[in-house]
Amino acid sequence: MSRPKGGAFTLVELLVVLAIIAVLVTILVPSLAGARDMTRRVVCQNQLRQWGQAFNIYAAGNDDTFPHIDGLDRDNGPADRFGWVDVIPPILKEKPWRDHPLFGRPAVGTFFQCPAAKVAEGGYSYNPDRDGFFSYAMNSCLELDGNCYRAAGDDGEAMPSFLRTSEIVAPGRVVLLFDQLLDPSRGYGGEGLNRSAGKYCGSYPRDFAVRHQAKGATQGGSILYCDTSVRWVETVWKGDWPAGMNCPPRDDPDWFPYPP
């Protein structure tokens, strides 16, 4: 069959071209989405490394100790505040958390969030736009250890307590910062509701596991360890841990810095 005059395509030829384009789109779109996710992960990991370097700089100038995790440093505490969100950002040329006003606290697109973090619509026990939020949380078990915790009245020193980095047994294994849940509708294992998702700058392992054990999906996140290394893991929840547990066992070497 000869081609129509003027070089026009036949209907069959057009359908073939459209089919080829459709196949190519089907192949390329997932690849592009995967590349985009990988780029976000790389940016997130680079940010975590910068946080880790800043933690080390802080420790070098503060008697070999890491800053406090959360608590008195957040809102109306005393003048001497030691929370990481206040003392670490200036090292990175960022404003301390306490210097941000309401409706002006860190939110999407700032150094306090992993680029892959997404805020769900509603469901929170706080207002993310007003109060700001984190997608990075410090390992709260670091302040539960008996060697670094001092209750109010002991030796005249109340909280906050401090973690001496030189005494960490396995710094390449102990979690320092991790990416926490920002979608309250997911809940633990894809069920329930986590209304404080993204609110706190110090959280327990369950807050990581909540995000990274959603049903029917392969997920994961990047973790900053105490030696400033960063690794991507699929989940931190261990098979023998009960679902209702929040803080891991005292002898868990991934979350506690000192031996029991």
Protein backbone atom coordinates (compact mmCIF):
# COMPACT_ATOMS: atom_id res chain seq x y z
CA MET A 1 0.00 0.00 0.00
CA SER A 2 1.39 3.35 -1.01
CA ARG A 3 1.64 6.28 1.46
CA PRO A 4 -1.01 8.99 0.89
CA LYS A 5 0.09 12.04 -0.99
CA GLY A 6 1.70 14.80 1.12
CA GLY A 7 3.47 12.33 3.45
CA ALA A 8 0.59 12.13 5.95
CA PHE A 9 0.48 9.27 8.47
CA THR A 10 -2.17 6.61 8.19
CA LEU A 11 -4.47 5.92 11.13
CA VAL A 12 -2.67 2.64 11.77
CA GLU A 13 0.70 4.38 11.90
CA LEU A 14 -0.63 6.96 14.36
CA LEU A 15 -2.04 4.24 16.59
CA VAL A 16 1.30 2.42 16.54
CA VAL A 17 3.17 5.60 17.51
CA LEU A 18 0.71 6.33 20.32
CA ALA A 19 1.04 2.77 21.59
CA ILE A 20 4.84 3.06 21.63
CA ILE A 21 4.62 6.37 23.52
CA ALA A 22 2.23 4.82 26.04
CA VAL A 23 4.63 1.93 26.65
CA LEU A 24 7.56 4.31 27.10
CA VAL A 25 5.58 6.42 29.57
CA THR A 26 4.64 3.28 31.51
CA ILE A 27 8.31 2.33 31.73
CA LEU A 28 9.75 5.77 32.45
CA VAL A 29 7.29 7.21 34.98
CA PRO A 30 8.13 4.72 37.78
CA SER A 31 11.83 5.21 37.05
CA LEU A 32 11.49 8.99 37.28
CA ALA A 33 9.52 8.68 40.52
CA GLY A 34 12.20 6.38 41.93
CA ALA A 35 14.94 8.81 40.92
CA ARG A 36 13.06 11.65 42.57
CA ASP A 37 12.68 9.65 45.79
CA MET A 38 16.37 8.78 45.71
CA THR A 39 17.29 12.45 45.29
CA ARG A 40 15.18 13.38 48.29
CA ARG A 41 16.82 10.62 50.30
CA VAL A 42 20.30 11.87 49.38
CA VAL A 43 19.41 15.43 50.38
CA CYS A 44 17.93 14.17 53.64
CA GLN A 45 21.07 12.16 54.39
CA ASN A 46 23.31 15.14 53.65
CA GLN A 47 21.28 17.25 56.07
CA LEU A 48 21.58 14.56 58.72
CA ARG A 49 25.35 14.49 58.28
CA GLN A 50 25.45 18.26 58.78
CA TRP A 51 23.41 17.89 61.96
CA GLY A 52 25.85 15.19 63.11
CA GLN A 53 28.88 17.37 62.46
CA ALA A 54 27.22 20.19 64.38
CA PHE A 55 26.59 17.85 67.33
CA ASN A 56 30.29 16.99 67.37
CA ILE A 57 31.28 20.67 67.23
CA TYR A 58 28.95 21.36 70.15
CA ALA A 59 30.39 18.45 72.15
CA ALA A 60 33.95 19.64 71.52
CA GLY A 61 33.12 23.00 73.09
CA ASN A 62 30.93 21.68 75.92
CA ASP A 63 32.94 19.23 77.97
CA ASP A 64 32.42 16.31 75.56
CA THR A 65 28.63 16.30 75.99
CA PHE A 66 25.69 16.29 73.62
CA PRO A 67 22.86 18.76 74.25
CA HIS A 68 19.61 17.85 75.91
CA ILE A 69 16.88 16.18 73.89
CA ASP A 70 13.67 17.94 74.83
CA GLY A 71 11.80 19.41 77.79
CA LEU A 72 12.74 22.66 79.52
CA ASP A 73 14.22 24.09 76.35
CA ARG A 74 10.98 24.14 74.37
CA ASP A 75 8.73 27.01 75.43
CA ASN A 76 8.74 28.91 78.71
CA GLY A 77 11.69 27.29 80.41
CA PRO A 78 14.58 29.02 82.18
CA ALA A 79 17.04 31.32 80.45
CA ASP A 80 19.67 28.58 80.23
CA ARG A 81 18.25 26.21 77.66
CA PHE A 82 20.17 23.22 76.40
CA GLY A 83 17.85 21.52 73.92
CA TRP A 84 19.40 20.54 70.62
CA VAL A 85 16.90 22.57 68.62
CA ASP A 86 18.18 25.71 70.36
CA VAL A 87 21.92 25.14 70.64
CA ILE A 88 22.70 23.17 67.45
CA PRO A 89 21.08 25.36 64.74
CA PRO A 90 23.36 28.39 65.36
CA ILE A 91 26.35 26.16 64.59
CA LEU A 92 24.73 25.61 61.19
CA LYS A 93 23.98 29.34 60.80
CA GLU A 94 20.31 28.67 61.53
CA LYS A 95 18.08 30.48 64.03
CA PRO A 96 17.43 28.69 67.37
CA TRP A 97 13.96 27.23 67.73
CA ARG A 98 13.15 29.54 70.66
CA ASP A 99 13.79 32.60 68.47
CA HIS A 100 11.06 31.66 65.99
CA PRO A 101 7.67 33.27 66.70
CA LEU A 102 4.33 31.52 66.38
CA PHE A 103 3.35 31.16 62.74
CA GLY A 104 7.03 31.62 61.97
CA ARG A 105 8.53 28.40 63.32
CA PRO A 106 10.28 25.90 61.02
CA ALA A 107 7.92 24.06 58.71
CA VAL A 108 7.99 22.49 55.24
CA GLY A 109 11.14 23.18 53.26
CA THR A 110 13.39 24.21 56.16
CA PHE A 111 16.48 22.57 57.59
CA PHE A 112 14.37 20.93 60.31
CA GLN A 113 12.61 18.65 57.83
CA CYS A 114 13.67 15.87 55.53
CA PRO A 115 12.71 16.87 51.94
CA ALA A 116 10.70 13.65 51.63
CA ALA A 117 8.57 14.50 54.67
CA LYS A 118 4.93 15.24 53.99
CA VAL A 119 2.39 16.73 56.37
CA ALA A 120 -1.03 15.11 56.31
CA GLU A 121 -4.24 17.11 56.33
CA GLY A 122 -5.60 17.48 59.86
CA GLY A 123 -5.55 14.91 62.64
CA TYR A 124 -2.88 16.66 64.75
CA SER A 125 -3.09 17.64 68.42
CA TYR A 126 -1.31 20.88 67.52
CA ASN A 127 -1.25 23.35 64.62
CA PRO A 128 1.77 22.67 62.35
CA ASP A 129 1.43 26.07 60.66
CA ARG A 130 1.39 27.90 63.99
CA ASP A 131 3.71 25.71 66.07
CA GLY A 132 6.09 24.46 63.39
CA PHE A 133 7.17 20.83 63.33
CA PHE A 134 10.11 18.46 62.94
CA SER A 135 10.74 15.50 60.73
CA TYR A 136 13.99 14.86 62.59
CA ALA A 137 13.82 13.64 66.17
CA MET A 138 16.61 12.94 68.64
CA ASN A 139 16.75 9.50 70.25
CA SER A 140 14.99 10.03 73.59
CA CYS A 141 16.60 6.92 75.07
CA LEU A 142 19.87 8.85 75.24
CA GLU A 143 18.60 10.67 78.32
CA LEU A 144 17.08 7.62 80.00
CA ASP A 145 20.35 5.87 80.65
CA GLY A 146 21.38 5.68 84.29
CA ASN A 147 24.88 6.96 83.57
CA CYS A 148 23.69 10.25 82.11
CA TYR A 149 20.36 10.83 83.87
CA ARG A 150 20.24 12.77 87.11
CA ALA A 151 16.93 13.27 88.84
CA ALA A 152 16.16 16.67 90.35
CA GLY A 153 17.99 17.04 93.64
CA ASP A 154 20.82 14.61 92.93
CA ASP A 155 24.07 16.53 93.46
CA GLY A 156 22.02 19.71 93.28
CA GLU A 157 21.52 19.33 89.53
CA ALA A 158 18.06 19.10 87.97
CA MET A 159 17.28 18.16 84.41
CA PRO A 160 18.41 18.62 81.71
CA SER A 161 21.03 15.94 81.87
CA PHE A 162 23.81 15.44 79.37
CA LEU A 163 25.30 12.53 77.48
CA ARG A 164 29.09 12.23 77.57
CA THR A 165 30.07 11.14 74.08
CA SER A 166 33.40 9.55 75.04
CA GLU A 167 31.54 6.95 77.10
CA ILE A 168 29.34 5.71 74.27
CA VAL A 169 30.29 2.08 73.75
CA ALA A 170 29.33 1.72 70.08
CA PRO A 171 28.86 5.19 68.52
CA GLY A 172 28.48 3.68 65.05
CA ARG A 173 25.46 1.73 66.26
CA VAL A 174 23.66 4.08 68.64
CA VAL A 175 20.93 6.19 67.01
CA LEU A 176 21.26 9.97 67.40
CA LEU A 177 18.65 11.47 65.05
CA PHE A 178 15.97 9.82 62.96
CA ASP A 179 13.07 10.75 60.74
CA GLN A 180 9.72 10.52 62.50
CA LEU A 181 6.12 10.15 61.40
CA LEU A 182 4.38 13.17 59.87
CA ASP A 183 1.16 11.51 58.79
CA PRO A 184 -1.02 11.01 61.89
CA SER A 185 -3.49 8.86 59.97
CA ARG A 186 -1.01 6.03 59.53
CA GLY A 187 -0.45 5.09 63.13
CA TYR A 188 1.61 2.15 64.30
CA GLY A 189 1.86 -0.45 61.57
CA GLY A 190 -0.61 1.47 59.44
CA GLU A 191 -3.31 1.41 62.12
CA GLY A 192 -4.58 3.90 64.69
CA LEU A 193 -3.68 7.57 64.99
CA ASN A 194 -0.51 9.41 66.03
CA ARG A 195 -1.77 12.91 66.79
CA SER A 196 1.62 14.25 67.88
CA ALA A 197 3.42 13.17 64.69
CA GLY A 198 6.23 15.58 63.91
CA LYS A 199 5.63 17.71 67.00
CA TYR A 200 8.54 16.73 69.19
CA CYS A 201 12.28 17.10 68.73
CA GLY A 202 12.92 14.04 70.91
CA SER A 203 11.14 10.74 70.30
CA TYR A 204 11.33 7.03 71.06
CA PRO A 205 11.98 4.27 68.53
CA ARG A 206 8.30 3.58 68.13
CA ASP A 207 7.88 6.97 66.44
CA PHE A 208 10.29 5.84 63.75
CA ALA A 209 8.71 2.41 63.49
CA VAL A 210 5.28 3.99 63.11
CA ARG A 211 6.30 5.62 59.87
CA HIS A 212 8.31 2.75 58.50
CA GLN A 213 6.07 -0.24 59.11
CA ALA A 214 2.98 0.82 57.16
CA LYS A 215 1.14 -2.18 55.77
CA GLY A 216 1.48 -3.16 52.14
CA ALA A 217 4.36 -0.80 51.37
CA THR A 218 8.12 -0.93 51.33
CA GLN A 219 9.26 2.10 53.26
CA GLY A 220 12.33 3.18 55.13
CA GLY A 221 14.24 6.11 56.46
CA SER A 222 17.70 7.50 57.09
CA ILE A 223 19.23 7.40 60.55
CA LEU A 224 22.11 9.48 61.90
CA TYR A 225 24.29 7.56 64.33
CA CYS A 226 26.45 8.94 67.11
CA ASP A 227 29.61 8.61 64.99
CA THR A 228 27.92 10.91 62.35
CA SER A 229 27.45 8.04 59.88
CA VAL A 230 24.09 7.90 58.10
CA ARG A 231 22.33 4.76 56.91
CA TRP A 232 18.98 3.98 55.37
CA VAL A 233 17.02 1.24 57.13
CA GLU A 234 13.67 -0.30 56.41
CA THR A 235 12.54 -0.33 60.04
CA VAL A 236 13.99 -0.16 63.53
CA TRP A 237 11.29 -2.29 65.11
CA LYS A 238 12.52 -5.72 66.18
CA GLY A 239 10.48 -8.85 65.80
CA ASP A 240 10.46 -9.77 69.49
CA TRP A 241 9.24 -6.34 70.64
CA PRO A 242 5.56 -6.21 71.62
CA ALA A 243 3.40 -3.82 69.62
CA GLY A 244 2.45 -1.80 72.70
CA MET A 245 6.04 -1.13 73.76
CA ASN A 246 7.35 2.42 73.43
CA CYS A 247 10.84 2.46 74.92
CA PRO A 248 13.09 -0.51 73.98
CA PRO A 249 14.69 -2.79 76.56
CA ARG A 250 17.43 -1.21 78.63
CA ASP A 251 20.10 -3.50 77.14
CA ASP A 252 19.30 -2.68 73.50
CA PRO A 253 22.61 -1.48 71.97
CA ASP A 254 21.00 0.48 69.13
CA TRP A 255 19.18 2.94 71.38
CA PHE A 256 21.08 3.07 74.67
CA PRO A 257 24.61 4.52 74.71
CA TYR A 258 26.07 2.75 77.76
CA PRO A 259 26.09 -0.88 78.83
CA PRO A 260 23.65 -1.83 81.62
